[in-house]
C-alpha atoms as a PDB file:
ATOM      1  CA  MET A   1       0.182   0.109   0.025  1.00  0.00           C
ATOM      2  CA  ASN A   2       1.312   3.862  -0.245  1.00  0.00           C
ATOM      3  CA  ARG A   3       0.222   7.029  -0.040  1.00  0.00           C
ATOM      4  CA  ASN A   4      -2.647   6.946  -2.231  1.00  0.00           C
ATOM      5  CA  ASP A   5      -4.556   4.345   0.250  1.00  0.00           C
ATOM      6  CA  VAL A   6      -4.941   7.200   2.428  1.00  0.00           C
ATOM      7  CA  LYS A   7      -7.544   9.949   2.201  1.00  0.00           C
ATOM      8  CA  ILE A   8      -6.554  12.968   4.997  1.00  0.00           C
ATOM      9  CA  ILE A   9      -9.886  14.331   5.782  1.00  0.00           C
ATOM     10  CA  GLY A  10      -8.696  16.980   8.111  1.00  0.00           C
ATOM     11  CA  LYS A  11      -5.755  18.925   9.998  1.00  0.00           C
ATOM     12  CA  THR A  12      -6.210  20.922  13.402  1.00  0.00           C
ATOM     13  CA  ASN A  13      -3.395  22.883  14.706  1.00  0.00           C
ATOM     14  CA  LEU A  14      -3.679  21.983  18.903  1.00  0.00           C
ATOM     15  CA  TYR A  15      -0.376  23.315  19.619  1.00  0.00           C
ATOM     16  CA  GLN A  16       2.252  25.249  18.373  1.00  0.00           C
ATOM     17  CA  GLY A  17       5.704  25.856  20.830  1.00  0.00           C
ATOM     18  CA  HIS A  18       9.219  23.951  20.738  1.00  0.00           C
ATOM     19  CA  PHE A  19       7.444  21.003  18.673  1.00  0.00           C
ATOM     20  CA  ARG A  20       4.085  21.168  16.466  1.00  0.00           C
ATOM     21  CA  LEU A  21       0.817  19.086  17.707  1.00  0.00           C
ATOM     22  CA  ASP A  22      -1.726  18.671  15.327  1.00  0.00           C
ATOM     23  CA  LYS A  23      -4.528  15.992  15.238  1.00  0.00           C
ATOM     24  CA  TYR A  24      -5.545  14.619  12.047  1.00  0.00           C
ATOM     25  CA  ARG A  25      -8.880  13.213  10.358  1.00  0.00           C
ATOM     26  CA  PHE A  26      -8.341  10.283   8.298  1.00  0.00           C
ATOM     27  CA  ARG A  27      -9.331   6.569   6.629  1.00  0.00           C
ATOM     28  CA  GLN A  28      -7.290   4.283   5.649  1.00  0.00           C
ATOM     29  CA  ARG A  29      -7.401   1.110   3.265  1.00  0.00           C
ATOM     30  CA  LYS A  30      -8.203  -2.260   4.895  1.00  0.00           C
ATOM     31  CA  PHE A  31      -5.851  -5.282   3.840  1.00  0.00           C
ATOM     32  CA  ASP A  32      -9.713  -6.739   2.310  1.00  0.00           C
ATOM     33  CA  GLY A  33      -9.808  -3.665  -0.029  1.00  0.00           C
ATOM     34  CA  SER A  34     -12.615  -1.689   2.010  1.00  0.00           C
ATOM     35  CA  TRP A  35     -12.420   1.517   3.555  1.00  0.00           C
ATOM     36  CA  SER A  36     -11.516   2.293   7.634  1.00  0.00           C
ATOM     37  CA  LYS A  37     -14.107   4.397   9.555  1.00  0.00           C
ATOM     38  CA  THR A  38     -13.339   8.009  10.089  1.00  0.00           C
ATOM     39  CA  VAL A  39     -10.348   8.190  12.529  1.00  0.00           C
ATOM     40  CA  ALA A  40      -8.966  10.806  15.058  1.00  0.00           C
ATOM     41  CA  ARG A  41      -5.521  11.025  15.684  1.00  0.00           C
ATOM     42  CA  GLU A  42      -3.145  13.464  17.470  1.00  0.00           C
ATOM     43  CA  VAL A  43       0.737  13.846  15.761  1.00  0.00           C
ATOM     44  CA  LEU A  44       3.486  15.474  16.946  1.00  0.00           C
ATOM     45  CA  ASP A  45       5.643  17.180  14.146  1.00  0.00           C
ATOM     46  CA  ARG A  46       9.051  16.784  15.450  1.00  0.00           C
ATOM     47  CA  GLY A  47      11.064  16.925  12.234  1.00  0.00           C
ATOM     48  CA  ALA A  48      13.950  15.708  10.637  1.00  0.00           C
ATOM     49  CA  ALA A  49      16.945  14.993  12.832  1.00  0.00           C
ATOM     50  CA  VAL A  50      20.106  13.354  12.582  1.00  0.00           C
ATOM     51  CA  ALA A  51      22.741  11.329  15.275  1.00  0.00           C
ATOM     52  CA  LEU A  52      26.120  11.150  14.904  1.00  0.00           C
ATOM     53  CA  LEU A  53      27.996   8.578  16.751  1.00  0.00           C
ATOM     54  CA  LEU A  54      31.753   9.162  17.350  1.00  0.00           C
ATOM     55  CA  TYR A  55      34.094   6.303  17.455  1.00  0.00           C
ATOM     56  CA  ASP A  56      37.934   5.638  18.008  1.00  0.00           C
ATOM     57  CA  PRO A  57      39.330   2.885  16.074  1.00  0.00           C
ATOM     58  CA  ASP A  58      42.773   2.942  17.238  1.00  0.00           C
ATOM     59  CA  ARG A  59      41.047   3.086  21.332  1.00  0.00           C
ATOM     60  CA  ASP A  60      38.409   1.019  20.532  1.00  0.00           C
ATOM     61  CA  ALA A  61      36.073   3.589  21.996  1.00  0.00           C
ATOM     62  CA  VAL A  62      32.968   5.567  21.388  1.00  0.00           C
ATOM     63  CA  VAL A  63      32.362   9.456  22.490  1.00  0.00           C
ATOM     64  CA  LEU A  64      28.689   9.932  24.272  1.00  0.00           C
ATOM     65  CA  ILE A  65      27.115  12.565  25.984  1.00  0.00           C
ATOM     66  CA  GLU A  66      25.012  12.739  28.816  1.00  0.00           C
ATOM     67  CA  GLN A  67      21.949  14.826  29.739  1.00  0.00           C
ATOM     68  CA  PHE A  68      19.237  15.538  31.057  1.00  0.00           C
ATOM     69  CA  ARG A  69      15.428  14.973  29.615  1.00  0.00           C
ATOM     70  CA  LEU A  70      12.288  14.848  30.567  1.00  0.00           C
ATOM     71  CA  PRO A  71      10.620  12.885  28.709  1.00  0.00           C
ATOM     72  CA  SER A  72      12.284   9.699  29.731  1.00  0.00           C
ATOM     73  CA  MET A  73      12.051  10.744  33.587  1.00  0.00           C
ATOM     74  CA  LEU A  74       8.553  10.811  32.930  1.00  0.00           C
ATOM     75  CA  ALA A  75       8.457   7.676  31.027  1.00  0.00           C
ATOM     76  CA  GLY A  76       9.988   5.930  34.123  1.00  0.00           C
ATOM     77  CA  SER A  77      13.823   5.533  33.050  1.00  0.00           C
ATOM     78  CA  ASN A  78      16.699   7.964  33.359  1.00  0.00           C
ATOM     79  CA  GLY A  79      16.216  11.104  33.203  1.00  0.00           C
ATOM     80  CA  TRP A  80      20.169  11.380  32.091  1.00  0.00           C
ATOM     81  CA  GLN A  81      20.281  10.098  28.939  1.00  0.00           C
ATOM     82  CA  ILE A  82      23.162   8.326  27.543  1.00  0.00           C
ATOM     83  CA  GLU A  83      23.213   9.313  23.646  1.00  0.00           C
ATOM     84  CA  PRO A  84      24.930   9.729  20.114  1.00  0.00           C
ATOM     85  CA  VAL A  85      25.441  13.879  19.321  1.00  0.00           C
ATOM     86  CA  ALA A  86      22.258  14.842  18.013  1.00  0.00           C
ATOM     87  CA  GLY A  87      20.112  17.700  16.508  1.00  0.00           C
ATOM     88  CA  LEU A  88      17.608  19.074  14.045  1.00  0.00           C
ATOM     89  CA  THR A  89      18.022  19.473  10.763  1.00  0.00           C
ATOM     90  CA  ASP A  90      16.122  22.437  10.686  1.00  0.00           C
ATOM     91  CA  LYS A  91      17.986  25.068   9.501  1.00  0.00           C
ATOM     92  CA  ALA A  92      18.196  26.717   5.710  1.00  0.00           C
ATOM     93  CA  GLY A  93      20.853  25.094   3.460  1.00  0.00           C
ATOM     94  CA  GLU A  94      22.086  22.184   6.042  1.00  0.00           C
ATOM     95  CA  SER A  95      22.407  19.338   4.724  1.00  0.00           C
ATOM     96  CA  GLU A  96      22.139  15.792   7.367  1.00  0.00           C
ATOM     97  CA  GLN A  97      26.334  15.802   7.591  1.00  0.00           C
ATOM     98  CA  ASP A  98      26.321  19.673   8.001  1.00  0.00           C
ATOM     99  CA  VAL A  99      24.331  19.032  11.028  1.00  0.00           C
ATOM    100  CA  ALA A 100      26.276  16.202  12.174  1.00  0.00           C
ATOM    101  CA  ARG A 101      29.240  18.293  12.229  1.00  0.00           C
ATOM    102  CA  ARG A 102      28.038  20.852  13.696  1.00  0.00           C
ATOM    103  CA  GLU A 103      26.530  18.799  17.155  1.00  0.00           C
ATOM    104  CA  ALA A 104      29.894  17.293  17.220  1.00  0.00           C
ATOM    105  CA  LYS A 105      31.326  20.472  18.057  1.00  0.00           C
ATOM    106  CA  GLU A 106      28.354  22.383  19.855  1.00  0.00           C
ATOM    107  CA  GLU A 107      27.908  19.060  22.066  1.00  0.00           C
ATOM    108  CA  ALA A 108      31.288  17.360  22.746  1.00  0.00           C
ATOM    109  CA  GLY A 109      33.877  19.551  21.427  1.00  0.00           C
ATOM    110  CA  LEU A 110      35.069  17.907  18.557  1.00  0.00           C
ATOM    111  CA  GLU A 111      36.124  18.623  15.290  1.00  0.00           C
ATOM    112  CA  VAL A 112      35.007  15.840  12.523  1.00  0.00           C
ATOM    113  CA  THR A 113      37.139  16.678   9.969  1.00  0.00           C
ATOM    114  CA  GLY A 114      36.766  12.908   7.983  1.00  0.00           C
ATOM    115  CA  GLU A 115      33.949  11.028   6.148  1.00  0.00           C
ATOM    116  CA  LEU A 116      30.646  10.462   7.799  1.00  0.00           C
ATOM    117  CA  VAL A 117      29.681   6.708   7.398  1.00  0.00           C
ATOM    118  CA  PHE A 118      26.043   6.315   6.573  1.00  0.00           C
ATOM    119  CA  VAL A 119      24.150   4.016   9.342  1.00  0.00           C
ATOM    120  CA  GLN A 120      20.539   3.919   8.894  1.00  0.00           C
ATOM    121  CA  ARG A 121      17.780   5.876   9.024  1.00  0.00           C
ATOM    122  CA  ILE A 122      14.929   4.768  11.662  1.00  0.00           C
ATOM    123  CA  LEU A 123      11.708   6.540  12.565  1.00  0.00           C
ATOM    124  CA  PRO A 124      12.028   6.364  16.676  1.00  0.00           C
ATOM    125  CA  SER A 125       7.654   6.799  17.486  1.00  0.00           C
ATOM    126  CA  THR A 126       5.600   5.784  14.121  1.00  0.00           C
ATOM    127  CA  GLY A 127       2.335   5.714  16.209  1.00  0.00           C
ATOM    128  CA  ALA A 128       2.626   8.886  17.913  1.00  0.00           C
ATOM    129  CA  MET A 129       5.184  11.678  16.212  1.00  0.00           C
ATOM    130  CA  THR A 130       6.564  12.119  12.236  1.00  0.00           C
ATOM    131  CA  GLU A 131      10.746  12.245  13.904  1.00  0.00           C
ATOM    132  CA  ARG A 132      12.985  10.676  11.286  1.00  0.00           C
ATOM    133  CA  VAL A 133      16.229  10.197  12.418  1.00  0.00           C
ATOM    134  CA  SER A 134      19.477   9.867  10.149  1.00  0.00           C
ATOM    135  CA  ILE A 135      22.470   7.890  12.016  1.00  0.00           C
ATOM    136  CA  TYR A 136      25.965   8.534  10.983  1.00  0.00           C
ATOM    137  CA  CYS A 137      29.345   7.361  12.173  1.00  0.00           C
ATOM    138  CA  ALA A 138      32.275   9.153  12.291  1.00  0.00           C
ATOM    139  CA  ARG A 139      35.886   9.107  13.439  1.00  0.00           C
ATOM    140  CA  VAL A 140      37.301  10.894  16.070  1.00  0.00           C
ATOM    141  CA  ASP A 141      40.980  11.186  18.364  1.00  0.00           C
ATOM    142  CA  SER A 142      38.839   9.919  22.037  1.00  0.00           C
ATOM    143  CA  ARG A 143      42.028  11.395  23.879  1.00  0.00           C
ATOM    144  CA  ARG A 144      40.559  14.965  22.566  1.00  0.00           C
ATOM    145  CA  ALA A 145      37.413  14.526  24.393  1.00  0.00           C
ATOM    146  CA  GLY A 146      35.621  15.626  27.544  1.00  0.00           C
ATOM    147  CA  GLY A 147      34.166  18.135  30.023  1.00  0.00           C
ATOM    148  CA  VAL A 148      30.625  19.238  29.853  1.00  0.00           C
ATOM    149  CA  HIS A 149      29.585  21.581  26.159  1.00  0.00           C
ATOM    150  CA  GLY A 150      25.837  22.671  24.779  1.00  0.00           C
ATOM    151  CA  ASN A 151      24.293  25.994  24.338  1.00  0.00           C
ATOM    152  CA  ALA A 152      23.244  28.019  27.158  1.00  0.00           C
ATOM    153  CA  ASP A 153      20.604  29.961  25.102  1.00  0.00           C
ATOM    154  CA  GLU A 154      18.988  26.624  24.992  1.00  0.00           C
ATOM    155  CA  GLY A 155      19.564  25.192  28.488  1.00  0.00           C
ATOM    156  CA  GLU A 156      21.927  22.514  27.635  1.00  0.00           C
ATOM    157  CA  ASP A 157      23.890  20.927  30.029  1.00  0.00           C
ATOM    158  CA  ILE A 158      25.845  18.388  28.136  1.00  0.00           C
ATOM    159  CA  ARG A 159      28.382  16.035  29.527  1.00  0.00           C
ATOM    160  CA  VAL A 160      31.245  14.649  27.476  1.00  0.00           C
ATOM    161  CA  LEU A 161      31.841  10.328  28.027  1.00  0.00           C
ATOM    162  CA  VAL A 162      34.490   8.432  26.257  1.00  0.00           C
ATOM    163  CA  LYS A 163      33.931   4.988  27.079  1.00  0.00           C
ATOM    164  CA  PRO A 164      35.337   1.143  25.719  1.00  0.00           C
ATOM    165  CA  PHE A 165      33.125   0.066  22.971  1.00  0.00           C
ATOM    166  CA  ARG A 166      32.765  -3.552  25.053  1.00  0.00           C
ATOM    167  CA  GLU A 167      31.481  -1.210  28.057  1.00  0.00           C
ATOM    168  CA  ALA A 168      29.737   0.546  25.739  1.00  0.00           C
ATOM    169  CA  MET A 169      27.885  -2.553  24.752  1.00  0.00           C
ATOM    170  CA  ARG A 170      27.735  -3.879  28.578  1.00  0.00           C
ATOM    171  CA  MET A 171      25.727  -0.564  29.544  1.00  0.00           C
ATOM    172  CA  MET A 172      22.938  -1.111  27.021  1.00  0.00           C
ATOM    173  CA  ARG A 173      22.926  -4.502  27.091  1.00  0.00           C
ATOM    174  CA  THR A 174      22.546  -3.563  31.118  1.00  0.00           C
ATOM    175  CA  GLY A 175      19.334  -1.492  30.588  1.00  0.00           C
ATOM    176  CA  ALA A 176      22.307   1.714  31.249  1.00  0.00           C
ATOM    177  CA  ILE A 177      22.051   2.814  27.879  1.00  0.00           C
ATOM    178  CA  ASP A 178      18.414   3.261  26.801  1.00  0.00           C
ATOM    179  CA  ASN A 179      18.401   5.441  23.965  1.00  0.00           C
ATOM    180  CA  ALA A 180      16.954   4.447  20.987  1.00  0.00           C
ATOM    181  CA  HIS A 181      19.507   6.326  18.613  1.00  0.00           C
ATOM    182  CA  CYS A 182      22.037   5.045  20.624  1.00  0.00           C
ATOM    183  CA  VAL A 183      21.340   1.369  20.548  1.00  0.00           C
ATOM    184  CA  VAL A 184      21.055   1.640  16.925  1.00  0.00           C
ATOM    185  CA  ALA A 185      23.845   2.839  16.640  1.00  0.00           C
ATOM    186  CA  LEU A 186      26.087   0.414  18.968  1.00  0.00           C
ATOM    187  CA  TYR A 187      24.830  -2.850  17.179  1.00  0.00           C
ATOM    188  CA  TRP A 188      25.464  -1.527  14.035  1.00  0.00           C
ATOM    189  CA  LEU A 189      28.968  -0.371  15.384  1.00  0.00           C
ATOM    190  CA  ALA A 190      28.771  -4.072  16.848  1.00  0.00           C
ATOM    191  CA  ALA A 191      28.395  -5.505  13.634  1.00  0.00           C
ATOM    192  CA  ASN A 192      30.788  -2.914  11.507  1.00  0.00           C
ATOM    193  CA  ARG A 193      33.734  -2.412  13.648  1.00  0.00           C
ATOM    194  CA  ALA A 194      36.806  -5.293  12.057  1.00  0.00           C
ATOM    195  CA  LYS A 195      35.591  -3.628   8.809  1.00  0.00           C
ATOM    196  CA  LEU A 196      35.595   0.315  10.015  1.00  0.00           C
ATOM    197  CA  LYS A 197      39.076   0.081  11.835  1.00  0.00           C
ATOM    198  CA  ARG A 198      40.130  -1.808   8.098  1.00  0.00           C
ATOM    199  CA  ARG A 199      38.591   0.898   6.619  1.00  0.00           C
ATOM    200  CA  TRP A 200      40.061   4.045   9.051  1.00  0.00           C
ATOM    201  CA  ALA A 201      43.465   2.902   8.850  1.00  0.00           C
ATOM    202  CA  GLN A 202      44.320   2.200   5.322  1.00  0.00           C
ATOM    203  CA  PRO A 203      44.685   5.163   2.501  1.00  0.00           C
ATOM    204  CA  ALA A 204      41.997   6.608   1.214  1.00  0.00           C
ATOM    205  CA  THR A 205      43.000   5.591  -2.326  1.00  0.00           C
ATOM    206  CA  ARG A 206      42.375   2.188  -1.442  1.00  0.00           C
ATOM    207  CA  ARG A 207      39.128  -0.144  -2.076  1.00  0.00           C
ATOM    208  CA  LYS A 208      37.043   0.616   1.236  1.00  0.00           C
ATOM    209  CA  PRO A 209      35.120  -2.550   2.955  1.00  0.00           C
ATOM    210  CA  ARG A 210      31.741  -2.358   2.231  1.00  0.00           C
ATOM    211  CA  LEU A 211      30.013  -1.766   5.509  1.00  0.00           C
ATOM    212  CA  ALA A 212      26.513  -3.622   6.715  1.00  0.00           C
ATOM    213  CA  SER A 213      23.448  -1.245   6.117  1.00  0.00           C
ATOM    214  CA  LYS A 214      19.653  -1.792   5.936  1.00  0.00           C
ATOM    215  CA  SER A 215      17.526   0.386   3.276  1.00  0.00           C
ATOM    216  CA  SER A 216      17.763   3.819   3.923  1.00  0.00           C
ATOM    217  CA  ARG A 217      14.249   4.139   2.824  1.00  0.00           C
ATOM    218  CA  ALA A 218      12.191   5.913   5.868  1.00  0.00           C
END
C-alpha cells in the first residue's frame, strides 16, 4: 500500500511551541480492500534529525554525551540519558552531514574532519510523531574528548563520556543505555567494527570494504 490508500479528511493545529501538535482525521484502505471509518489521531510534528556516533578505532572507544531528558524520566527511565550527539535539521541550507558536524562541535567539543559513514534512518515512534532520524558514524580522537558543553541559550548542560566499546555494549545490555539512537548505532558498530577499523586504517585511495547497512528508506 502507499499514500493513495490514505485519505486525509481534516487537520487542526492544537499547539505550536517547541514542537507542533496537530490533530488529523483520516481514512485508510484496509487489507480486505475496503475503507476504514474516519479515525482521529494527534500527531507530534518533530521534524527530521541527525545522530552521530563518534568512534575512535585506535583506542576502540566511543564518545557519547549525557544530558537530562524530562520525557525519559516521566516514562520511568533515567532522566540523564546517554546518547550520541544529535540535532534537528531545521536550518536552511544545512545538509545532514553539516548538522552532524555542527552538533559534534557544539555538544562534544570535537571537530569532525573525515568522512561520515551512513548507518541507518529510523522512525523512533511511528504511532505518535513524524520524527525521522538519520544516523551516521565518524572517526574522532577520543583523547581530545571531555568536559561539559552545550548551548547555554537553549539550557543545554551536556557532559562528554568516553567509553571503551565493550563497556558501552555492556551498558546497553544492562539498560544503562536505552536511548533508541544509541542502541541502533551501537549494534551497527558491533556488526561493522572490524571493517570500520580496516577502512580507516588504510589510505583513502585504496578500496574501502562495504559496511553492512539496511535500506535508507524511511
